[in-house]
Amino acid sequence: MSDKVLRARVLTFFERPDSLDDESCYAFWEDGAVVTDGGRIAWRGNFSDLPEAYRTLPVTDHRPGILMPGFIDTHAHFAQMGVIASYGAQLLDWLHGYTFVQEALFEDEAHAQSIAACYLDEILRHGVTTSVVYGTSHKTAMDAFFAEAEARGLCMIAGKVLMDRNAPGNLLDTSQSGYDDSRRLIDTWHGRGRLHYAVTPRFAITCSEAQLDLAGTLMRETPDVFLQTHLCENRSEIEETARLFPGARDYLDVYESNGLLGPRSLFGHCIHLEPRERTALKESRSVAVFCPTSNLFLGSGLFDYETLTESGVRVALATDVGAGTSYSMLATASEAYKVSQLCGYSLNPLESFYLLTLGNARALSMEDRIGALEAGSDADLIVVDSQATSAMRTRMQSSSSLTDELFVLQTLGDDRCIAATYIAGERLK
């Protein structure tokens, strides 16, 4: 893998912004450079300050594009590519009417391989270099997904769905088979290259007490894996969970009582939380994952970003494809802004791009490897173009600041704005 010098306008974050005027939270070089070496970042700064040792290396000039860390998606369903943009249902009906029908196809390993390849290529087009992915209940589908991710050299977190009740019989595992399949997948793929495993109970309604207990066993046996599931997305879902688990204090307690909370646990949606649930998320350092496009599409409700972050809950941002309606993290940030506006909070563009990069990396406890342009970090990089479309070029004529340019990208941008995607220093778009 050859060394490279990438010249561009260069942006990286250090901390969550306090305000739109917080210039201490990021570094921006108008004429900057990033040097990659062996898949890692070796140096970044002003191009004019390029160390002598790198001055003879070939330079790829991406100006006037902005080079930044690749986007990170913290909640997605690769098997739902075939149901994105399916009309007219809320969560539980949508699962039974669309999702489960599509996921049954993944018993066919060739189909799973084809969709895994399509999904990974699609997110790379959108500048997503790491994603946290739900599979189906089929072990072979996850083997296919991990193999496709490995072939591209990607940093991916994924897991087989655990689901032993309240779903079609051809999708159900058992508590024991779910444990056994997950254990084999962990042993095969977790820590292999840049791959990581997430124990994945779909949600409380489709998991028995025995299955949740064995999910907790997996977390104790392999404490460096992740946990992903859904929480408090829809009122009907919450009511059904209360009926199925009458001894639980609340929805989160179903997971908490089985040892599923912690700093590597990601809970999708978290819209209708009770005060005790917010406190438990904070104290356990679990992550609430904000999925604005799916929350709006399914009519689930509005995620209260300001309240959760100000109360100390760790928050991440995600597409939730395929109830989510776009593979683009730019479009996701745009919808997050609108949802927050409805909740009385203006999510500023510095905070949005922090979330898309370093913020989501911190939510995954992976900020030492991804999400920032620091020496030693993996060279997963993107170049964004704020003048990729005629409408954006027209709007940019009146733009006079970095923050304004970022807001244009966030509001009007899509895959056309991703001029290049680099994975471990190699250009894949």
Protein backbone atom coordinates (compact mmCIF):
# COMPACT_ATOMS: atom_id res chain seq x y z
CA MET A 1 0.00 0.00 0.00
CA SER A 2 1.74 3.17 -1.21
CA ASP A 3 1.98 6.41 0.71
CA LYS A 4 -0.25 9.24 -0.53
CA VAL A 5 -0.65 12.97 -0.07
CA LEU A 6 -4.24 14.16 -0.37
CA ARG A 7 -4.53 17.92 -0.83
CA ALA A 8 -7.83 19.65 -0.11
CA ARG A 9 -9.57 21.92 2.30
CA VAL A 10 -9.32 19.75 5.43
CA LEU A 11 -11.75 19.54 8.36
CA THR A 12 -11.64 17.49 11.56
CA PHE A 13 -13.33 17.79 14.96
CA PHE A 14 -11.86 17.60 18.45
CA GLU A 15 -14.98 18.03 20.63
CA ARG A 16 -18.73 18.52 20.44
CA PRO A 17 -19.36 22.18 19.53
CA ASP A 18 -20.73 24.42 22.25
CA SER A 19 -22.27 26.79 19.69
CA LEU A 20 -22.17 27.86 16.07
CA ASP A 21 -19.27 30.18 16.99
CA ASP A 22 -17.16 27.52 18.72
CA GLU A 23 -13.98 27.50 16.61
CA SER A 24 -12.03 25.55 19.24
CA CYS A 25 -13.95 22.34 18.58
CA TYR A 26 -12.47 21.75 15.14
CA ALA A 27 -9.47 22.39 12.90
CA PHE A 28 -9.89 23.63 9.33
CA TRP A 29 -7.10 24.17 6.83
CA GLU A 30 -8.15 26.10 3.73
CA ASP A 31 -5.23 24.59 1.85
CA GLY A 32 -4.52 21.44 3.80
CA ALA A 33 -3.16 17.96 3.33
CA VAL A 34 -3.52 14.48 4.77
CA VAL A 35 -0.76 11.92 4.36
CA THR A 36 -1.76 8.25 4.46
CA ASP A 37 0.71 5.43 5.08
CA GLY A 38 -0.17 1.74 5.26
CA GLY A 39 -3.88 2.45 5.64
CA ARG A 40 -3.42 4.93 8.50
CA ILE A 41 -3.11 8.69 8.75
CA ALA A 42 0.53 9.72 9.11
CA TRP A 43 0.15 13.50 9.16
CA ARG A 44 -2.37 16.31 8.54
CA GLY A 45 -2.10 20.08 8.50
CA ASN A 46 -1.39 22.99 6.17
CA PHE A 47 -0.08 21.87 2.80
CA SER A 48 2.67 24.48 3.08
CA ASP A 49 3.85 22.78 6.29
CA LEU A 50 4.12 19.33 4.69
CA PRO A 51 7.17 17.67 6.30
CA GLU A 52 10.22 17.20 4.11
CA ALA A 53 9.87 13.41 4.25
CA TYR A 54 6.57 13.59 2.35
CA ARG A 55 7.41 16.27 -0.23
CA THR A 56 8.46 13.77 -2.89
CA LEU A 57 5.27 11.72 -2.64
CA PRO A 58 2.61 12.00 -5.38
CA VAL A 59 -0.16 14.49 -4.57
CA THR A 60 -3.85 14.05 -5.36
CA ASP A 61 -5.45 17.49 -5.38
CA HIS A 62 -9.12 17.51 -4.34
CA ARG A 63 -9.45 21.29 -3.98
CA PRO A 64 -11.89 23.01 -3.55
CA GLY A 65 -13.50 19.95 -1.95
CA ILE A 66 -13.43 19.45 1.80
CA LEU A 67 -11.60 16.34 3.01
CA MET A 68 -12.88 14.95 6.29
CA PRO A 69 -13.31 11.61 8.10
CA GLY A 70 -15.78 9.23 6.52
CA PHE A 71 -19.34 9.30 7.78
CA ILE A 72 -20.41 6.74 10.41
CA ASP A 73 -23.93 5.24 10.46
CA THR A 74 -24.87 3.71 13.81
CA HIS A 75 -28.10 1.84 12.91
CA ALA A 76 -29.06 0.22 9.58
CA HIS A 77 -30.69 -2.94 8.20
CA PHE A 78 -28.91 -4.19 5.08
CA ALA A 79 -31.62 -6.79 4.46
CA GLN A 80 -34.25 -4.05 4.12
CA MET A 81 -32.94 -2.62 0.87
CA GLY A 82 -35.92 -4.25 -0.83
CA VAL A 83 -38.51 -2.51 1.37
CA ILE A 84 -37.20 1.05 1.55
CA ALA A 85 -39.98 3.40 0.37
CA SER A 86 -42.81 0.93 1.12
CA TYR A 87 -46.10 2.76 1.56
CA GLY A 88 -48.49 3.21 4.37
CA ALA A 89 -47.86 1.50 7.70
CA GLN A 90 -46.59 2.16 11.19
CA LEU A 91 -43.98 0.06 12.95
CA LEU A 92 -45.63 -3.26 13.82
CA ASP A 93 -47.73 -3.50 10.64
CA TRP A 94 -44.70 -2.42 8.59
CA LEU A 95 -42.61 -5.23 10.06
CA HIS A 96 -45.21 -7.90 9.29
CA GLY A 97 -46.38 -6.49 5.96
CA TYR A 98 -43.00 -5.69 4.43
CA THR A 99 -39.89 -6.45 6.46
CA PHE A 100 -40.46 -10.06 7.47
CA VAL A 101 -41.54 -10.94 3.92
CA GLN A 102 -38.31 -9.54 2.52
CA GLU A 103 -36.07 -11.02 5.20
CA ALA A 104 -37.35 -14.53 4.48
CA LEU A 105 -35.50 -14.32 1.14
CA PHE A 106 -32.18 -14.25 2.96
CA GLU A 107 -32.34 -17.97 3.62
CA ASP A 108 -30.83 -18.08 0.12
CA GLU A 109 -27.11 -17.42 0.61
CA ALA A 110 -26.67 -16.14 -2.95
CA HIS A 111 -29.42 -13.58 -2.40
CA ALA A 112 -27.82 -12.49 0.88
CA GLN A 113 -24.43 -12.11 -0.81
CA SER A 114 -25.93 -10.04 -3.64
CA ILE A 115 -27.77 -7.64 -1.31
CA ALA A 116 -24.77 -7.35 1.04
CA ALA A 117 -22.59 -6.32 -1.90
CA CYS A 118 -25.23 -3.87 -3.11
CA TYR A 119 -25.64 -2.34 0.35
CA LEU A 120 -21.92 -1.86 0.93
CA ASP A 121 -21.37 -0.34 -2.50
CA GLU A 122 -24.33 1.98 -1.97
CA ILE A 123 -23.13 3.35 1.36
CA LEU A 124 -19.63 3.90 -0.03
CA ARG A 125 -21.21 6.05 -2.77
CA HIS A 126 -22.78 8.09 0.04
CA GLY A 127 -19.52 8.49 1.95
CA VAL A 128 -20.41 6.08 4.77
CA THR A 129 -17.24 4.23 5.73
CA THR A 130 -18.47 2.48 8.91
CA SER A 131 -21.97 1.20 9.60
CA VAL A 132 -23.65 -0.68 12.46
CA VAL A 133 -25.81 -3.23 10.69
CA TYR A 134 -28.68 -5.57 11.57
CA GLY A 135 -28.79 -8.77 9.57
CA THR A 136 -31.57 -11.34 9.47
CA SER A 137 -32.04 -14.45 11.61
CA HIS A 138 -29.98 -16.49 9.12
CA LYS A 139 -26.38 -17.20 10.07
CA THR A 140 -25.39 -17.72 6.42
CA ALA A 141 -26.65 -14.22 5.57
CA MET A 142 -24.27 -12.75 8.14
CA ASP A 143 -21.38 -14.85 6.87
CA ALA A 144 -22.07 -13.38 3.43
CA PHE A 145 -22.24 -9.83 4.79
CA PHE A 146 -18.99 -10.10 6.73
CA ALA A 147 -17.22 -11.66 3.74
CA GLU A 148 -18.28 -8.79 1.48
CA ALA A 149 -17.19 -6.21 4.08
CA GLU A 150 -13.84 -7.95 4.52
CA ALA A 151 -13.26 -7.96 0.76
CA ARG A 152 -13.59 -4.17 0.75
CA GLY A 153 -11.40 -3.68 3.82
CA LEU A 154 -14.23 -2.02 5.73
CA CYS A 155 -14.67 -1.29 9.41
CA MET A 156 -18.12 -2.76 10.01
CA ILE A 157 -20.17 -3.75 13.07
CA ALA A 158 -22.95 -6.26 12.42
CA GLY A 159 -24.91 -9.13 13.89
CA LYS A 160 -27.45 -11.88 13.26
CA VAL A 161 -30.93 -10.98 14.47
CA LEU A 162 -32.13 -12.97 17.49
CA MET A 163 -35.85 -13.61 17.16
CA ASP A 164 -37.61 -16.63 18.66
CA ARG A 165 -41.27 -15.54 18.80
CA ASN A 166 -43.95 -13.24 17.34
CA ALA A 167 -42.66 -13.48 13.78
CA PRO A 168 -43.22 -15.88 10.85
CA GLY A 169 -42.03 -19.40 11.59
CA ASN A 170 -39.52 -19.40 8.73
CA LEU A 171 -37.69 -16.50 10.39
CA LEU A 172 -37.60 -17.77 13.95
CA ASP A 173 -34.59 -19.23 15.67
CA THR A 174 -34.65 -20.66 19.19
CA SER A 175 -32.95 -19.22 22.22
CA GLN A 176 -30.27 -21.92 21.98
CA SER A 177 -29.79 -21.85 18.21
CA GLY A 178 -29.62 -18.07 18.32
CA TYR A 179 -26.91 -18.27 20.94
CA ASP A 180 -25.02 -20.98 19.05
CA ASP A 181 -25.15 -19.12 15.71
CA SER A 182 -24.07 -15.85 17.33
CA ARG A 183 -21.22 -17.57 19.13
CA ARG A 184 -19.95 -19.11 15.88
CA LEU A 185 -20.18 -15.78 14.09
CA ILE A 186 -18.28 -14.06 16.90
CA ASP A 187 -15.58 -16.72 16.81
CA THR A 188 -15.26 -16.44 13.03
CA TRP A 189 -15.55 -12.72 12.36
CA HIS A 190 -15.20 -10.54 15.47
CA GLY A 191 -11.79 -8.88 15.47
CA ARG A 192 -10.93 -10.31 12.05
CA GLY A 193 -9.42 -7.48 10.03
CA ARG A 194 -11.60 -4.46 10.74
CA LEU A 195 -14.79 -6.37 11.53
CA HIS A 196 -16.74 -6.32 14.80
CA TYR A 197 -19.74 -8.25 16.05
CA ALA A 198 -22.94 -6.91 17.61
CA VAL A 199 -25.22 -9.19 19.62
CA THR A 200 -28.58 -8.35 18.06
CA PRO A 201 -31.90 -9.16 19.76
CA ARG A 202 -34.32 -7.57 17.30
CA PHE A 203 -36.50 -6.09 20.02
CA ALA A 204 -38.30 -7.24 23.13
CA ILE A 205 -41.49 -8.31 21.36
CA THR A 206 -39.70 -10.93 19.25
CA CYS A 207 -37.43 -12.25 22.02
CA SER A 208 -38.35 -14.57 24.87
CA GLU A 209 -36.92 -14.18 28.35
CA ALA A 210 -34.67 -17.18 27.62
CA GLN A 211 -33.31 -15.56 24.47
CA LEU A 212 -32.59 -12.25 26.19
CA ASP A 213 -30.88 -14.12 29.00
CA LEU A 214 -28.59 -15.88 26.51
CA ALA A 215 -27.91 -12.55 24.79
CA GLY A 216 -26.66 -11.34 28.16
CA THR A 217 -24.52 -14.47 28.42
CA LEU A 218 -22.91 -13.62 25.06
CA MET A 219 -22.13 -10.12 26.30
CA ARG A 220 -20.49 -11.46 29.44
CA GLU A 221 -18.50 -14.09 27.54
CA THR A 222 -17.22 -11.60 24.93
CA PRO A 223 -17.25 -8.18 26.60
CA ASP A 224 -15.67 -6.38 23.64
CA VAL A 225 -18.58 -7.09 21.29
CA PHE A 226 -21.41 -4.61 20.79
CA LEU A 227 -25.12 -4.87 21.59
CA GLN A 228 -27.79 -3.42 19.31
CA THR A 229 -31.57 -3.46 19.61
CA HIS A 230 -34.64 -1.23 19.49
CA LEU A 231 -36.24 0.72 22.33
CA CYS A 232 -39.35 2.89 22.78
CA GLU A 233 -39.93 3.56 19.09
CA ASN A 234 -43.71 3.32 18.91
CA ARG A 235 -46.55 3.57 21.45
CA SER A 236 -48.14 0.28 20.37
CA GLU A 237 -44.76 -1.44 20.63
CA ILE A 238 -44.33 -0.17 24.19
CA GLU A 239 -47.82 -1.38 25.16
CA GLU A 240 -47.17 -4.83 23.69
CA THR A 241 -43.82 -5.06 25.48
CA ALA A 242 -45.51 -4.24 28.78
CA ARG A 243 -48.04 -7.02 28.14
CA LEU A 244 -45.34 -9.57 27.32
CA PHE A 245 -43.11 -8.61 30.26
CA PRO A 246 -45.51 -7.74 33.10
CA GLY A 247 -42.76 -7.86 35.72
CA ALA A 248 -40.60 -5.21 34.04
CA ARG A 249 -40.52 -1.69 35.46
CA ASP A 250 -40.54 -0.26 31.93
CA TYR A 251 -39.38 -1.16 28.42
CA LEU A 252 -35.67 -0.59 29.11
CA ASP A 253 -35.86 -2.82 32.18
CA VAL A 254 -36.54 -5.80 29.90
CA TYR A 255 -32.99 -5.36 28.57
CA GLU A 256 -31.48 -4.06 31.79
CA SER A 257 -32.56 -7.08 33.82
CA ASN A 258 -30.68 -9.30 31.35
CA GLY A 259 -27.41 -7.37 31.54
CA LEU A 260 -27.70 -5.71 28.13
CA LEU A 261 -26.89 -2.11 29.08
CA GLY A 262 -23.41 -0.63 28.88
CA PRO A 263 -21.07 1.65 26.94
CA ARG A 264 -21.09 -0.65 23.89
CA SER A 265 -24.91 -0.98 23.82
CA LEU A 266 -26.83 0.88 21.10
CA PHE A 267 -30.57 1.41 21.49
CA GLY A 268 -32.35 2.52 18.35
CA HIS A 269 -35.01 5.27 18.50
CA CYS A 270 -35.56 6.04 22.22
CA ILE A 271 -38.42 8.39 21.39
CA HIS A 272 -40.91 7.71 24.20
CA LEU A 273 -38.59 7.26 27.18
CA GLU A 274 -39.70 7.48 30.79
CA PRO A 275 -37.53 9.53 33.18
CA ARG A 276 -36.18 6.36 34.80
CA GLU A 277 -35.14 5.02 31.41
CA ARG A 278 -33.21 8.20 30.61
CA THR A 279 -31.42 7.96 33.94
CA ALA A 280 -30.55 4.30 33.38
CA LEU A 281 -29.19 5.02 29.91
CA LYS A 282 -27.03 7.80 31.30
CA GLU A 283 -25.72 5.84 34.28
CA SER A 284 -24.88 2.78 32.16
CA ARG A 285 -23.34 4.97 29.40
CA SER A 286 -25.56 3.23 26.87
CA VAL A 287 -26.24 5.01 23.58
CA ALA A 288 -29.57 6.36 22.32
CA VAL A 289 -29.58 6.28 18.51
CA PHE A 290 -31.44 9.08 16.72
CA CYS A 291 -33.05 7.81 13.48
CA PRO A 292 -34.96 10.84 12.17
CA THR A 293 -35.99 9.71 8.69
CA SER A 294 -37.50 6.42 9.87
CA ASN A 295 -39.18 8.06 12.86
CA LEU A 296 -40.90 10.49 10.51
CA PHE A 297 -41.64 7.90 7.81
CA LEU A 298 -43.34 5.48 10.21
CA GLY A 299 -45.00 8.25 12.20
CA SER A 300 -43.30 7.06 15.38
CA GLY A 301 -42.63 10.43 16.99
CA LEU A 302 -39.95 13.06 17.57
CA PHE A 303 -36.60 12.26 19.19
CA ASP A 304 -35.82 14.91 21.83
CA TYR A 305 -32.14 15.42 21.03
CA GLU A 306 -31.65 18.44 23.29
CA THR A 307 -33.20 16.85 26.39
CA LEU A 308 -31.24 13.62 26.03
CA THR A 309 -27.88 15.24 25.37
CA GLU A 310 -28.32 17.86 28.09
CA SER A 311 -29.28 15.13 30.58
CA GLY A 312 -26.02 13.34 29.84
CA VAL A 313 -27.24 10.48 27.64
CA ARG A 314 -24.81 9.52 24.88
CA VAL A 315 -26.50 10.08 21.51
CA ALA A 316 -25.63 8.89 18.00
CA LEU A 317 -27.19 9.59 14.59
CA ALA A 318 -28.28 6.95 12.05
CA THR A 319 -30.15 6.29 8.81
CA ASP A 320 -32.15 3.22 9.94
CA VAL A 321 -32.43 2.07 6.33
CA GLY A 322 -34.90 0.68 5.27
CA ALA A 323 -37.63 2.33 7.38
CA GLY A 324 -35.20 5.20 7.04
CA THR A 325 -35.66 6.73 3.62
CA SER A 326 -32.10 7.60 2.59
CA TYR A 327 -28.65 6.00 2.63
CA SER A 328 -27.20 9.51 2.92
CA MET A 329 -25.97 10.74 6.28
CA LEU A 330 -26.27 14.27 4.86
CA ALA A 331 -30.00 13.73 4.30
CA THR A 332 -30.21 12.15 7.76
CA ALA A 333 -28.62 15.23 9.33
CA SER A 334 -31.06 17.42 7.41
CA GLU A 335 -34.01 15.54 8.88
CA ALA A 336 -32.41 15.61 12.34
CA TYR A 337 -32.33 19.39 12.07
CA LYS A 338 -36.04 19.50 11.19
CA VAL A 339 -37.05 17.11 13.98
CA SER A 340 -35.02 19.16 16.46
CA GLN A 341 -36.66 22.37 15.20
CA LEU A 342 -40.05 20.85 16.03
CA CYS A 343 -38.71 20.14 19.53
CA GLY A 344 -37.49 23.73 19.96
CA TYR A 345 -33.79 23.14 19.30
CA SER A 346 -31.71 24.29 16.31
CA LEU A 347 -29.11 21.64 15.54
CA ASN A 348 -26.26 23.68 14.14
CA PRO A 349 -24.14 22.42 11.22
CA LEU A 350 -20.96 22.11 13.29
CA GLU A 351 -22.80 19.78 15.65
CA SER A 352 -24.24 17.84 12.73
CA PHE A 353 -20.85 17.17 11.14
CA TYR A 354 -19.38 16.38 14.55
CA LEU A 355 -22.10 13.74 14.95
CA LEU A 356 -21.50 12.31 11.47
CA THR A 357 -17.82 11.80 12.27
CA LEU A 358 -16.22 12.04 15.71
CA GLY A 359 -19.50 12.05 17.65
CA ASN A 360 -20.64 8.74 16.21
CA ALA A 361 -17.13 7.31 16.60
CA ARG A 362 -17.25 8.21 20.30
CA ALA A 363 -20.68 6.61 20.60
CA LEU A 364 -19.02 3.41 19.36
CA SER A 365 -15.98 3.90 21.66
CA MET A 366 -13.86 3.79 18.50
CA GLU A 367 -12.60 7.36 18.33
CA ASP A 368 -9.00 6.14 18.52
CA ARG A 369 -9.42 4.54 15.06
CA ILE A 370 -12.17 6.34 13.12
CA GLY A 371 -14.03 9.64 13.08
CA ALA A 372 -11.09 12.07 13.24
CA LEU A 373 -8.00 12.99 11.26
CA GLU A 374 -5.34 12.10 13.80
CA ALA A 375 -1.97 10.43 13.29
CA GLY A 376 -2.46 6.69 13.68
CA SER A 377 -6.18 6.73 12.88
CA ASP A 378 -7.47 4.61 10.03
CA ALA A 379 -7.44 6.51 6.73
CA ASP A 380 -11.20 6.26 6.09
CA LEU A 381 -11.76 9.59 4.39
CA ILE A 382 -14.21 11.38 2.15
CA VAL A 383 -14.11 14.48 -0.02
CA VAL A 384 -17.33 16.50 -0.10
CA ASP A 385 -18.26 18.99 -2.81
CA SER A 386 -20.63 21.79 -1.83
CA GLN A 387 -21.14 22.76 -5.49
CA ALA A 388 -22.06 19.32 -6.81
CA THR A 389 -25.42 20.41 -8.23
CA SER A 390 -26.61 23.55 -10.00
CA ALA A 391 -28.92 24.38 -7.08
CA MET A 392 -26.01 24.12 -4.65
CA ARG A 393 -23.75 26.23 -6.88
CA THR A 394 -26.41 28.94 -6.95
CA ARG A 395 -26.84 28.83 -3.18
CA MET A 396 -23.08 28.85 -2.58
CA GLN A 397 -22.75 32.21 -4.37
CA SER A 398 -24.12 33.80 -1.21
CA SER A 399 -22.13 31.64 1.22
CA SER A 400 -19.31 33.32 3.11
CA SER A 401 -18.37 30.94 5.95
CA LEU A 402 -17.49 27.33 6.63
CA THR A 403 -20.55 26.86 8.83
CA ASP A 404 -22.83 28.15 6.09
CA GLU A 405 -21.19 25.82 3.57
CA LEU A 406 -21.67 22.86 5.90
CA PHE A 407 -25.34 23.74 6.32
CA VAL A 408 -25.78 23.85 2.55
CA LEU A 409 -24.17 20.40 2.32
CA GLN A 410 -26.37 19.10 5.13
CA THR A 411 -29.60 20.52 3.71
CA LEU A 412 -29.16 20.08 -0.05
CA GLY A 413 -26.53 17.35 -0.26
CA ASP A 414 -26.74 13.72 -1.32
CA ASP A 415 -24.43 11.11 -2.87
CA ARG A 416 -23.50 13.56 -5.67
CA CYS A 417 -21.67 15.62 -3.04
CA ILE A 418 -19.32 12.75 -2.21
CA ALA A 419 -16.47 13.35 -4.66
CA ALA A 420 -14.27 10.57 -3.26
CA THR A 421 -14.36 7.84 -0.62
CA TYR A 422 -11.14 6.33 0.73
CA ILE A 423 -11.04 3.14 2.79
CA ALA A 424 -7.76 2.57 4.64
CA GLY A 425 -6.14 4.99 2.22
CA GLU A 426 -7.45 3.28 -0.94
CA ARG A 427 -9.95 5.13 -3.11
CA LEU A 428 -13.16 3.12 -3.56
CA LYS A 429 -15.21 5.96 -5.09
